[in-house]
Amino acid sequence: MPAQPHADAPATAPAVSEDDIAAFVVERFLPGVDPAELDAEYDLLATAVIDSLGVLRIAAWLADRHGVAVPDEALTTRGFRSVRAIRITAERAAAGEGRA
């Protein structure tokens, strides 16, 4: 029997949770840190957790894992500065919006 979509889920694209993003960031860039300890507003760029290549890796992960293609014009430091910013960027990309 095929899985039924969750009633609260948007029909166009799956939601990307901050917990899922934090888990990926910790796995890739902060091994040994508990994802629950990563504040959603922690500045990943200013603290050199990620750099421009990290932004591209996160964008590729969003596309591969969640089917969210972030447009080139949204690949900005502002849109990938924190877990929360990444979630907002992903939501906007899923909704077909451009720059974050």
PDB file of N, CA and C in Angstrom:
ATOM      1  N   MET A   1       0.845  -1.179   0.000  1.00  0.00           N
ATOM      2  CA  MET A   1       0.000   0.000   0.000  1.00  0.00           C
ATOM      3  C   MET A   1       0.891   1.243   0.000  1.00  0.00           C
ATOM      4  N   PRO A   2       0.702   2.174  -0.928  1.00  0.00           N
ATOM      5  CA  PRO A   2       1.556   3.359  -0.982  1.00  0.00           C
ATOM      6  C   PRO A   2       1.325   4.259   0.232  1.00  0.00           C
ATOM      7  N   ALA A   3       2.391   4.922   0.630  1.00  0.00           N
ATOM      8  CA  ALA A   3       2.299   5.839   1.762  1.00  0.00           C
ATOM      9  C   ALA A   3       1.433   7.030   1.397  1.00  0.00           C
ATOM     10  N   GLN A   4       0.598   7.425   2.323  1.00  0.00           N
ATOM     11  CA  GLN A   4      -0.262   8.584   2.129  1.00  0.00           C
ATOM     12  C   GLN A   4       0.472   9.832   2.593  1.00  0.00           C
ATOM     13  N   PRO A   5       0.342  10.944   1.877  1.00  0.00           N
ATOM     14  CA  PRO A   5       0.996  12.168   2.320  1.00  0.00           C
ATOM     15  C   PRO A   5       0.397  12.629   3.643  1.00  0.00           C
ATOM     16  N   HIS A   6       1.231  13.194   4.487  1.00  0.00           N
ATOM     17  CA  HIS A   6       0.782  13.732   5.762  1.00  0.00           C
ATOM     18  C   HIS A   6      -0.171  14.883   5.497  1.00  0.00           C
ATOM     19  N   ALA A   7      -1.226  14.977   6.259  1.00  0.00           N
ATOM     20  CA  ALA A   7      -2.255  15.996   6.033  1.00  0.00           C
ATOM     21  C   ALA A   7      -1.713  17.413   6.144  1.00  0.00           C
ATOM     22  N   ASP A   8      -0.717  17.637   7.000  1.00  0.00           N
ATOM     23  CA  ASP A   8      -0.165  18.980   7.186  1.00  0.00           C
ATOM     24  C   ASP A   8       0.961  19.308   6.220  1.00  0.00           C
ATOM     25  N   ALA A   9       1.403  18.330   5.449  1.00  0.00           N
ATOM     26  CA  ALA A   9       2.534  18.549   4.548  1.00  0.00           C
ATOM     27  C   ALA A   9       2.090  19.319   3.314  1.00  0.00           C
ATOM     28  N   PRO A  10       2.933  20.247   2.846  1.00  0.00           N
ATOM     29  CA  PRO A  10       2.587  20.950   1.615  1.00  0.00           C
ATOM     30  C   PRO A  10       2.590  19.990   0.433  1.00  0.00           C
ATOM     31  N   ALA A  11       1.721  20.225  -0.503  1.00  0.00           N
ATOM     32  CA  ALA A  11       1.590  19.331  -1.650  1.00  0.00           C
ATOM     33  C   ALA A  11       2.756  19.470  -2.626  1.00  0.00           C
ATOM     34  N   THR A  12       3.411  20.626  -2.655  1.00  0.00           N
ATOM     35  CA  THR A  12       4.436  20.866  -3.658  1.00  0.00           C
ATOM     36  C   THR A  12       5.800  20.313  -3.309  1.00  0.00           C
ATOM     37  N   ALA A  13       6.215  20.427  -2.056  1.00  0.00           N
ATOM     38  CA  ALA A  13       7.548  19.959  -1.688  1.00  0.00           C
ATOM     39  C   ALA A  13       7.581  19.606  -0.209  1.00  0.00           C
ATOM     40  N   PRO A  14       8.396  18.637   0.152  1.00  0.00           N
ATOM     41  CA  PRO A  14       8.492  18.276   1.562  1.00  0.00           C
ATOM     42  C   PRO A  14       9.148  19.380   2.375  1.00  0.00           C
ATOM     43  N   ALA A  15       8.717  19.517   3.618  1.00  0.00           N
ATOM     44  CA  ALA A  15       9.317  20.501   4.510  1.00  0.00           C
ATOM     45  C   ALA A  15      10.699  20.023   4.940  1.00  0.00           C
ATOM     46  N   VAL A  16      11.581  20.956   5.119  1.00  0.00           N
ATOM     47  CA  VAL A  16      12.914  20.649   5.613  1.00  0.00           C
ATOM     48  C   VAL A  16      12.975  21.211   7.028  1.00  0.00           C
ATOM     49  N   SER A  17      13.120  20.348   8.008  1.00  0.00           N
ATOM     50  CA  SER A  17      13.110  20.808   9.392  1.00  0.00           C
ATOM     51  C   SER A  17      14.484  21.320   9.810  1.00  0.00           C
ATOM     52  N   GLU A  18      14.476  22.203  10.794  1.00  0.00           N
ATOM     53  CA  GLU A  18      15.730  22.694  11.347  1.00  0.00           C
ATOM     54  C   GLU A  18      16.508  21.555  11.998  1.00  0.00           C
ATOM     55  N   ASP A  19      15.796  20.591  12.583  1.00  0.00           N
ATOM     56  CA  ASP A  19      16.477  19.441  13.189  1.00  0.00           C
ATOM     57  C   ASP A  19      17.227  18.633  12.135  1.00  0.00           C
ATOM     58  N   ASP A  20      16.612  18.434  10.986  1.00  0.00           N
ATOM     59  CA  ASP A  20      17.244  17.685   9.897  1.00  0.00           C
ATOM     60  C   ASP A  20      18.465  18.434   9.364  1.00  0.00           C
ATOM     61  N   ILE A  21      18.326  19.742   9.221  1.00  0.00           N
ATOM     62  CA  ILE A  21      19.446  20.559   8.749  1.00  0.00           C
ATOM     63  C   ILE A  21      20.580  20.522   9.770  1.00  0.00           C
ATOM     64  N   ALA A  22      20.248  20.689  11.039  1.00  0.00           N
ATOM     65  CA  ALA A  22      21.270  20.659  12.090  1.00  0.00           C
ATOM     66  C   ALA A  22      21.989  19.318  12.106  1.00  0.00           C
ATOM     67  N   ALA A  23      21.239  18.231  11.945  1.00  0.00           N
ATOM     68  CA  ALA A  23      21.858  16.904  11.928  1.00  0.00           C
ATOM     69  C   ALA A  23      22.843  16.786  10.775  1.00  0.00           C
ATOM     70  N   PHE A  24      22.477  17.297   9.595  1.00  0.00           N
ATOM     71  CA  PHE A  24      23.390  17.241   8.455  1.00  0.00           C
ATOM     72  C   PHE A  24      24.633  18.101   8.698  1.00  0.00           C
ATOM     73  N   VAL A  25      24.424  19.317   9.186  1.00  0.00           N
ATOM     74  CA  VAL A  25      25.546  20.222   9.426  1.00  0.00           C
ATOM     75  C   VAL A  25      26.516  19.606  10.432  1.00  0.00           C
ATOM     76  N   VAL A  26      25.986  19.035  11.490  1.00  0.00           N
ATOM     77  CA  VAL A  26      26.849  18.416  12.500  1.00  0.00           C
ATOM     78  C   VAL A  26      27.579  17.216  11.917  1.00  0.00           C
ATOM     79  N   GLU A  27      26.851  16.373  11.190  1.00  0.00           N
ATOM     80  CA  GLU A  27      27.478  15.184  10.596  1.00  0.00           C
ATOM     81  C   GLU A  27      28.621  15.564   9.661  1.00  0.00           C
ATOM     82  N   ARG A  28      28.402  16.577   8.830  1.00  0.00           N
ATOM     83  CA  ARG A  28      29.384  16.967   7.814  1.00  0.00           C
ATOM     84  C   ARG A  28      30.482  17.882   8.314  1.00  0.00           C
ATOM     85  N   PHE A  29      30.104  18.832   9.191  1.00  0.00           N
ATOM     86  CA  PHE A  29      31.021  19.913   9.509  1.00  0.00           C
ATOM     87  C   PHE A  29      31.412  20.020  10.990  1.00  0.00           C
ATOM     88  N   LEU A  30      30.666  19.372  11.882  1.00  0.00           N
ATOM     89  CA  LEU A  30      30.943  19.470  13.318  1.00  0.00           C
ATOM     90  C   LEU A  30      30.883  18.096  13.980  1.00  0.00           C
ATOM     91  N   PRO A  31      31.652  17.133  13.504  1.00  0.00           N
ATOM     92  CA  PRO A  31      31.568  15.799  14.091  1.00  0.00           C
ATOM     93  C   PRO A  31      31.826  15.842  15.596  1.00  0.00           C
ATOM     94  N   GLY A  32      31.073  15.037  16.316  1.00  0.00           N
ATOM     95  CA  GLY A  32      31.226  14.969  17.758  1.00  0.00           C
ATOM     96  C   GLY A  32      30.322  15.913  18.528  1.00  0.00           C
ATOM     97  N   VAL A  33      29.655  16.819  17.830  1.00  0.00           N
ATOM     98  CA  VAL A  33      28.729  17.749  18.472  1.00  0.00           C
ATOM     99  C   VAL A  33      27.334  17.133  18.415  1.00  0.00           C
ATOM    100  N   ASP A  34      26.576  17.314  19.480  1.00  0.00           N
ATOM    101  CA  ASP A  34      25.195  16.841  19.513  1.00  0.00           C
ATOM    102  C   ASP A  34      24.353  17.824  18.692  1.00  0.00           C
ATOM    103  N   PRO A  35      23.630  17.342  17.677  1.00  0.00           N
ATOM    104  CA  PRO A  35      22.814  18.257  16.858  1.00  0.00           C
ATOM    105  C   PRO A  35      21.845  19.101  17.680  1.00  0.00           C
ATOM    106  N   ALA A  36      21.372  18.575  18.805  1.00  0.00           N
ATOM    107  CA  ALA A  36      20.444  19.324  19.650  1.00  0.00           C
ATOM    108  C   ALA A  36      21.119  20.545  20.286  1.00  0.00           C
ATOM    109  N   GLU A  37      22.445  20.537  20.348  1.00  0.00           N
ATOM    110  CA  GLU A  37      23.182  21.650  20.936  1.00  0.00           C
ATOM    111  C   GLU A  37      23.477  22.767  19.931  1.00  0.00           C
ATOM    112  N   LEU A  38      23.216  22.539  18.672  1.00  0.00           N
ATOM    113  CA  LEU A  38      23.470  23.552  17.647  1.00  0.00           C
ATOM    114  C   LEU A  38      22.287  24.506  17.577  1.00  0.00           C
ATOM    115  N   ASP A  39      22.502  25.710  18.069  1.00  0.00           N
ATOM    116  CA  ASP A  39      21.450  26.728  18.071  1.00  0.00           C
ATOM    117  C   ASP A  39      21.078  27.067  16.634  1.00  0.00           C
ATOM    118  N   ALA A  40      19.798  27.227  16.367  1.00  0.00           N
ATOM    119  CA  ALA A  40      19.319  27.501  15.009  1.00  0.00           C
ATOM    120  C   ALA A  40      19.832  28.826  14.464  1.00  0.00           C
ATOM    121  N   GLU A  41      20.260  29.736  15.334  1.00  0.00           N
ATOM    122  CA  GLU A  41      20.768  31.047  14.910  1.00  0.00           C
ATOM    123  C   GLU A  41      22.294  31.139  14.952  1.00  0.00           C
ATOM    124  N   TYR A  42      22.974  30.046  15.305  1.00  0.00           N
ATOM    125  CA  TYR A  42      24.437  30.052  15.373  1.00  0.00           C
ATOM    126  C   TYR A  42      25.008  30.389  14.001  1.00  0.00           C
ATOM    127  N   ASP A  43      25.908  31.361  13.951  1.00  0.00           N
ATOM    128  CA  ASP A  43      26.459  31.836  12.682  1.00  0.00           C
ATOM    129  C   ASP A  43      27.520  30.866  12.167  1.00  0.00           C
ATOM    130  N   LEU A  44      27.124  30.041  11.233  1.00  0.00           N
ATOM    131  CA  LEU A  44      27.994  29.004  10.682  1.00  0.00           C
ATOM    132  C   LEU A  44      29.125  29.577   9.832  1.00  0.00           C
ATOM    133  N   LEU A  45      28.899  30.712   9.228  1.00  0.00           N
ATOM    134  CA  LEU A  45      29.913  31.319   8.362  1.00  0.00           C
ATOM    135  C   LEU A  45      30.927  32.126   9.165  1.00  0.00           C
ATOM    136  N   ALA A  46      30.466  32.965  10.078  1.00  0.00           N
ATOM    137  CA  ALA A  46      31.381  33.805  10.861  1.00  0.00           C
ATOM    138  C   ALA A  46      32.292  32.965  11.739  1.00  0.00           C
ATOM    139  N   THR A  47      31.828  31.784  12.133  1.00  0.00           N
ATOM    140  CA  THR A  47      32.633  30.905  12.985  1.00  0.00           C
ATOM    141  C   THR A  47      33.417  29.881  12.165  1.00  0.00           C
ATOM    142  N   ALA A  48      33.367  29.998  10.850  1.00  0.00           N
ATOM    143  CA  ALA A  48      34.110  29.145   9.917  1.00  0.00           C
ATOM    144  C   ALA A  48      33.725  27.672  10.006  1.00  0.00           C
ATOM    145  N   VAL A  49      32.497  27.411  10.428  1.00  0.00           N
ATOM    146  CA  VAL A  49      32.009  26.031  10.390  1.00  0.00           C
ATOM    147  C   VAL A  49      31.831  25.620   8.931  1.00  0.00           C
ATOM    148  N   ILE A  50      31.275  26.531   8.130  1.00  0.00           N
ATOM    149  CA  ILE A  50      31.161  26.292   6.689  1.00  0.00           C
ATOM    150  C   ILE A  50      31.765  27.470   5.948  1.00  0.00           C
ATOM    151  N   ASP A  51      32.115  27.217   4.693  1.00  0.00           N
ATOM    152  CA  ASP A  51      32.615  28.248   3.800  1.00  0.00           C
ATOM    153  C   ASP A  51      31.800  28.157   2.508  1.00  0.00           C
ATOM    154  N   SER A  52      32.260  28.761   1.452  1.00  0.00           N
ATOM    155  CA  SER A  52      31.492  28.747   0.204  1.00  0.00           C
ATOM    156  C   SER A  52      31.299  27.330  -0.331  1.00  0.00           C
ATOM    157  N   LEU A  53      32.282  26.480  -0.154  1.00  0.00           N
ATOM    158  CA  LEU A  53      32.128  25.085  -0.570  1.00  0.00           C
ATOM    159  C   LEU A  53      31.090  24.383   0.299  1.00  0.00           C
ATOM    160  N   GLY A  54      31.061  24.719   1.569  1.00  0.00           N
ATOM    161  CA  GLY A  54      30.047  24.172   2.465  1.00  0.00           C
ATOM    162  C   GLY A  54      28.642  24.574   2.042  1.00  0.00           C
ATOM    163  N   VAL A  55      28.500  25.825   1.603  1.00  0.00           N
ATOM    164  CA  VAL A  55      27.198  26.286   1.095  1.00  0.00           C
ATOM    165  C   VAL A  55      26.758  25.404  -0.072  1.00  0.00           C
ATOM    166  N   LEU A  56      27.678  25.125  -0.979  1.00  0.00           N
ATOM    167  CA  LEU A  56      27.355  24.283  -2.134  1.00  0.00           C
ATOM    168  C   LEU A  56      27.008  22.859  -1.713  1.00  0.00           C
ATOM    169  N   ARG A  57      27.714  22.338  -0.716  1.00  0.00           N
ATOM    170  CA  ARG A  57      27.414  20.987  -0.221  1.00  0.00           C
ATOM    171  C   ARG A  57      26.028  20.920   0.407  1.00  0.00           C
ATOM    172  N   ILE A  58      25.688  21.941   1.158  1.00  0.00           N
ATOM    173  CA  ILE A  58      24.364  21.977   1.777  1.00  0.00           C
ATOM    174  C   ILE A  58      23.287  22.101   0.700  1.00  0.00           C
ATOM    175  N   ALA A  59      23.527  22.932  -0.294  1.00  0.00           N
ATOM    176  CA  ALA A  59      22.563  23.075  -1.398  1.00  0.00           C
ATOM    177  C   ALA A  59      22.394  21.751  -2.136  1.00  0.00           C
ATOM    178  N   ALA A  60      23.483  21.034  -2.358  1.00  0.00           N
ATOM    179  CA  ALA A  60      23.401  19.727  -3.028  1.00  0.00           C
ATOM    180  C   ALA A  60      22.634  18.735  -2.165  1.00  0.00           C
ATOM    181  N   TRP A  61      22.848  18.762  -0.858  1.00  0.00           N
ATOM    182  CA  TRP A  61      22.121  17.895   0.064  1.00  0.00           C
ATOM    183  C   TRP A  61      20.625  18.201   0.037  1.00  0.00           C
ATOM    184  N   LEU A  62      20.283  19.495   0.021  1.00  0.00           N
ATOM    185  CA  LEU A  62      18.869  19.879  -0.051  1.00  0.00           C
ATOM    186  C   LEU A  62      18.224  19.316  -1.314  1.00  0.00           C
ATOM    187  N   ALA A  63      18.949  19.362  -2.415  1.00  0.00           N
ATOM    188  CA  ALA A  63      18.421  18.837  -3.681  1.00  0.00           C
ATOM    189  C   ALA A  63      18.313  17.321  -3.645  1.00  0.00           C
ATOM    190  N   ASP A  64      19.364  16.647  -3.190  1.00  0.00           N
ATOM    191  CA  ASP A  64      19.383  15.184  -3.182  1.00  0.00           C
ATOM    192  C   ASP A  64      18.413  14.591  -2.169  1.00  0.00           C
ATOM    193  N   ARG A  65      18.428  15.118  -0.972  1.00  0.00           N
ATOM    194  CA  ARG A  65      17.643  14.538   0.129  1.00  0.00           C
ATOM    195  C   ARG A  65      16.193  15.005   0.142  1.00  0.00           C
ATOM    196  N   HIS A  66      15.972  16.270  -0.205  1.00  0.00           N
ATOM    197  CA  HIS A  66      14.642  16.858  -0.061  1.00  0.00           C
ATOM    198  C   HIS A  66      14.010  17.296  -1.378  1.00  0.00           C
ATOM    199  N   GLY A  67      14.739  17.165  -2.476  1.00  0.00           N
ATOM    200  CA  GLY A  67      14.187  17.575  -3.765  1.00  0.00           C
ATOM    201  C   GLY A  67      14.013  19.074  -3.891  1.00  0.00           C
ATOM    202  N   VAL A  68      14.779  19.835  -3.119  1.00  0.00           N
ATOM    203  CA  VAL A  68      14.689  21.300  -3.142  1.00  0.00           C
ATOM    204  C   VAL A  68      15.896  21.843  -3.884  1.00  0.00           C
ATOM    205  N   ALA A  69      15.660  22.368  -5.066  1.00  0.00           N
ATOM    206  CA  ALA A  69      16.737  22.952  -5.866  1.00  0.00           C
ATOM    207  C   ALA A  69      16.828  24.442  -5.545  1.00  0.00           C
ATOM    208  N   VAL A  70      17.899  24.817  -4.882  1.00  0.00           N
ATOM    209  CA  VAL A  70      18.109  26.225  -4.544  1.00  0.00           C
ATOM    210  C   VAL A  70      18.675  26.916  -5.776  1.00  0.00           C
ATOM    211  N   PRO A  71      17.990  27.958  -6.266  1.00  0.00           N
ATOM    212  CA  PRO A  71      18.497  28.645  -7.462  1.00  0.00           C
ATOM    213  C   PRO A  71      19.815  29.358  -7.175  1.00  0.00           C
ATOM    214  N   ASP A  72      20.613  29.522  -8.202  1.00  0.00           N
ATOM    215  CA  ASP A  72      21.932  30.148  -8.053  1.00  0.00           C
ATOM    216  C   ASP A  72      21.858  31.491  -7.334  1.00  0.00           C
ATOM    217  N   GLU A  73      20.858  32.294  -7.651  1.00  0.00           N
ATOM    218  CA  GLU A  73      20.769  33.623  -7.038  1.00  0.00           C
ATOM    219  C   GLU A  73      20.460  33.561  -5.543  1.00  0.00           C
ATOM    220  N   ALA A  74      20.042  32.400  -5.051  1.00  0.00           N
ATOM    221  CA  ALA A  74      19.769  32.238  -3.609  1.00  0.00           C
ATOM    222  C   ALA A  74      20.955  31.637  -2.860  1.00  0.00           C
ATOM    223  N   LEU A  75      22.022  31.326  -3.573  1.00  0.00           N
ATOM    224  CA  LEU A  75      23.219  30.774  -2.928  1.00  0.00           C
ATOM    225  C   LEU A  75      24.055  31.916  -2.361  1.00  0.00           C
ATOM    226  N   THR A  76      23.515  32.545  -1.342  1.00  0.00           N
ATOM    227  CA  THR A  76      24.160  33.699  -0.722  1.00  0.00           C
ATOM    228  C   THR A  76      24.589  33.367   0.696  1.00  0.00           C
ATOM    229  N   THR A  77      25.531  34.144   1.220  1.00  0.00           N
ATOM    230  CA  THR A  77      25.931  33.934   2.609  1.00  0.00           C
ATOM    231  C   THR A  77      24.760  34.188   3.546  1.00  0.00           C
ATOM    232  N   ARG A  78      23.927  35.129   3.219  1.00  0.00           N
ATOM    233  CA  ARG A  78      22.757  35.431   4.055  1.00  0.00           C
ATOM    234  C   ARG A  78      21.832  34.222   4.146  1.00  0.00           C
ATOM    235  N   GLY A  79      21.667  33.519   3.057  1.00  0.00           N
ATOM    236  CA  GLY A  79      20.751  32.387   3.017  1.00  0.00           C
ATOM    237  C   GLY A  79      21.292  31.119   3.646  1.00  0.00           C
ATOM    238  N   PHE A  80      22.568  31.092   3.982  1.00  0.00           N
ATOM    239  CA  PHE A  80      23.184  29.888   4.552  1.00  0.00           C
ATOM    240  C   PHE A  80      23.960  30.196   5.831  1.00  0.00           C
ATOM    241  N   ARG A  81      23.694  31.334   6.434  1.00  0.00           N
ATOM    242  CA  ARG A  81      24.427  31.786   7.623  1.00  0.00           C
ATOM    243  C   ARG A  81      24.147  30.923   8.849  1.00  0.00           C
ATOM    244  N   SER A  82      22.934  30.396   8.963  1.00  0.00           N
ATOM    245  CA  SER A  82      22.552  29.617  10.141  1.00  0.00           C
ATOM    246  C   SER A  82      21.600  28.502   9.717  1.00  0.00           C
ATOM    247  N   VAL A  83      21.337  27.606  10.644  1.00  0.00           N
ATOM    248  CA  VAL A  83      20.370  26.530  10.379  1.00  0.00           C
ATOM    249  C   VAL A  83      19.014  27.136  10.020  1.00  0.00           C
ATOM    250  N   ARG A  84      18.599  28.153  10.745  1.00  0.00           N
ATOM    251  CA  ARG A  84      17.309  28.798  10.468  1.00  0.00           C
ATOM    252  C   ARG A  84      17.309  29.448   9.086  1.00  0.00           C
ATOM    253  N   ALA A  85      18.391  30.120   8.733  1.00  0.00           N
ATOM    254  CA  ALA A  85      18.486  30.754   7.413  1.00  0.00           C
ATOM    255  C   ALA A  85      18.433  29.707   6.302  1.00  0.00           C
ATOM    256  N   ILE A  86      19.060  28.567   6.524  1.00  0.00           N
ATOM    257  CA  ILE A  86      19.024  27.485   5.530  1.00  0.00           C
ATOM    258  C   ILE A  86      17.601  26.970   5.367  1.00  0.00           C
ATOM    259  N   ARG A  87      16.888  26.802   6.489  1.00  0.00           N
ATOM    260  CA  ARG A  87      15.496  26.351   6.405  1.00  0.00           C
ATOM    261  C   ARG A  87      14.654  27.338   5.608  1.00  0.00           C
ATOM    262  N   ILE A  88      14.811  28.616   5.894  1.00  0.00           N
ATOM    263  CA  ILE A  88      14.035  29.647   5.189  1.00  0.00           C
ATOM    264  C   ILE A  88      14.390  29.657   3.704  1.00  0.00           C
ATOM    265  N   THR A  89      15.670  29.552   3.397  1.00  0.00           N
ATOM    266  CA  THR A  89      16.111  29.498   1.999  1.00  0.00           C
ATOM    267  C   THR A  89      15.496  28.290   1.293  1.00  0.00           C
ATOM    268  N   ALA A  90      15.498  27.138   1.960  1.00  0.00           N
ATOM    269  CA  ALA A  90      14.921  25.923   1.376  1.00  0.00           C
ATOM    270  C   ALA A  90      13.422  26.077   1.161  1.00  0.00           C
ATOM    271  N   GLU A  91      12.738  26.677   2.124  1.00  0.00           N
ATOM    272  CA  GLU A  91      11.292  26.888   1.976  1.00  0.00           C
ATOM    273  C   GLU A  91      10.993  27.803   0.800  1.00  0.00           C
ATOM    274  N   ARG A  92      11.758  28.855   0.664  1.00  0.00           N
ATOM    275  CA  ARG A  92      11.551  29.799  -0.447  1.00  0.00           C
ATOM    276  C   ARG A  92      11.845  29.133  -1.788  1.00  0.00           C
ATOM    277  N   ALA A  93      12.902  28.334  -1.820  1.00  0.00           N
ATOM    278  CA  ALA A  93      13.241  27.632  -3.063  1.00  0.00           C
ATOM    279  C   ALA A  93      12.146  26.630  -3.422  1.00  0.00           C
ATOM    280  N   ALA A  94      11.629  25.926  -2.436  1.00  0.00           N
ATOM    281  CA  ALA A  94      10.560  24.954  -2.682  1.00  0.00           C
ATOM    282  C   ALA A  94       9.290  25.642  -3.172  1.00  0.00           C
ATOM    283  N   ALA A  95       9.092  26.875  -2.712  1.00  0.00           N
ATOM    284  CA  ALA A  95       7.910  27.633  -3.130  1.00  0.00           C
ATOM    285  C   ALA A  95       8.121  28.336  -4.467  1.00  0.00           C
ATOM    286  N   GLY A  96       9.324  28.210  -5.033  1.00  0.00           N
ATOM    287  CA  GLY A  96       9.611  28.813  -6.327  1.00  0.00           C
ATOM    288  C   GLY A  96      10.060  30.260  -6.231  1.00  0.00           C
ATOM    289  N   GLU A  97      10.400  30.707  -5.026  1.00  0.00           N
ATOM    290  CA  GLU A  97      10.882  32.071  -4.857  1.00  0.00           C
ATOM    291  C   GLU A  97      12.371  32.127  -5.128  1.00  0.00           C
ATOM    292  N   GLY A  98      12.867  33.296  -5.432  1.00  0.00           N
ATOM    293  CA  GLY A  98      14.294  33.452  -5.740  1.00  0.00           C
ATOM    294  C   GLY A  98      15.135  33.750  -4.534  1.00  0.00           C
ATOM    295  N   ARG A  99      15.819  34.873  -4.572  1.00  0.00           N
ATOM    296  CA  ARG A  99      16.812  35.254  -3.563  1.00  0.00           C
ATOM    297  C   ARG A  99      16.233  35.201  -2.153  1.00  0.00           C
ATOM    298  N   ALA A 100      17.065  34.646  -1.246  1.00  0.00           N
ATOM    299  CA  ALA A 100      16.663  34.544   0.164  1.00  0.00           C
ATOM    300  C   ALA A 100      16.877  35.849   0.900  1.00  0.00           C
TER     301      ALA A 100
END
